[in-house]
């Protein structure tokens, strides 16, 4: 993700006896990629909800009747 410019990282040096750690931050491009990906997931979820409603109204009720 760093190579794609979605994250940047840096080492944070510990002042205590604990080990140093790598800290990641999301870039502007990373936030846009996340937003775009979540938007795509939301659209697919809405489509699946619509298909499920269609199935329930047109097929499931007939199975019971």
Protein backbone atom coordinates (compact mmCIF):
# COMPACT_ATOMS: atom_id res chain seq x y z
CA UNK A 1 0.00 0.00 0.00
CA UNK A 2 2.93 2.30 0.58
CA UNK A 3 4.24 1.63 -2.93
CA UNK A 4 0.83 2.61 -4.29
CA UNK A 5 0.89 5.86 -2.28
CA UNK A 6 -2.04 4.92 -0.06
CA UNK A 7 -0.04 4.88 3.19
CA UNK A 8 3.13 6.40 4.56
CA UNK A 9 5.03 5.01 7.51
CA UNK A 10 7.76 6.01 9.86
CA UNK A 11 9.53 4.41 12.76
CA UNK A 12 8.55 5.70 16.19
CA UNK A 13 11.38 5.28 18.65
CA UNK A 14 10.41 4.17 22.11
CA UNK A 15 11.60 6.24 25.05
CA UNK A 16 10.96 3.27 27.35
CA UNK A 17 12.34 -0.25 27.30
CA UNK A 18 9.79 -1.32 24.67
CA UNK A 19 10.72 -1.90 21.05
CA UNK A 20 10.47 0.74 18.36
CA UNK A 21 7.35 0.50 16.26
CA UNK A 22 6.30 1.39 12.76
CA UNK A 23 3.45 3.92 12.58
CA UNK A 24 1.28 4.13 9.46
CA UNK A 25 -0.77 7.07 8.24
CA UNK A 26 -3.34 7.10 5.47
CA UNK A 27 -2.59 9.54 2.64
CA UNK A 28 -5.11 11.66 0.76
CA UNK A 29 -4.98 9.08 -2.07
CA UNK A 30 -5.53 6.33 0.50
CA UNK A 31 -8.61 8.06 1.90
CA UNK A 32 -9.99 8.44 -1.63
CA UNK A 33 -9.33 4.77 -2.41
CA UNK A 34 -11.08 3.76 0.81
CA UNK A 35 -14.04 6.02 0.08
CA UNK A 36 -14.31 4.68 -3.46
CA UNK A 37 -14.06 1.08 -2.30
CA UNK A 38 -16.69 1.55 0.39
CA UNK A 39 -18.98 3.29 -2.10
CA UNK A 40 -18.67 0.28 -4.40
CA UNK A 41 -19.46 -2.10 -1.54
CA UNK A 42 -22.52 -0.03 -0.57
CA UNK A 43 -23.81 -0.12 -4.16
CA UNK A 44 -23.37 -3.90 -4.30
CA UNK A 45 -25.14 -4.28 -0.95
CA UNK A 46 -28.07 -2.22 -2.23
CA UNK A 47 -28.24 -4.38 -5.34
CA UNK A 48 -28.22 -7.55 -3.23
CA UNK A 49 -30.94 -6.10 -0.98
CA UNK A 50 -33.06 -5.32 -4.06
CA UNK A 51 -32.52 -8.82 -5.45
CA UNK A 52 -33.40 -10.39 -2.11
CA UNK A 53 -36.59 -8.31 -1.89
CA UNK A 54 -37.51 -9.32 -5.45
CA UNK A 55 -36.93 -12.99 -4.63
CA UNK A 56 -38.97 -12.79 -1.43
CA UNK A 57 -41.89 -11.04 -3.14
CA UNK A 58 -41.95 -13.12 -6.31
CA UNK A 59 -40.75 -16.58 -5.39
CA UNK A 60 -40.64 -17.20 -1.68
CA UNK A 61 -44.27 -16.34 -1.04
CA UNK A 62 -45.29 -18.79 -3.81
CA UNK A 63 -43.33 -21.62 -2.16
CA UNK A 64 -45.38 -21.23 1.01
CA UNK A 65 -48.72 -20.91 -0.78
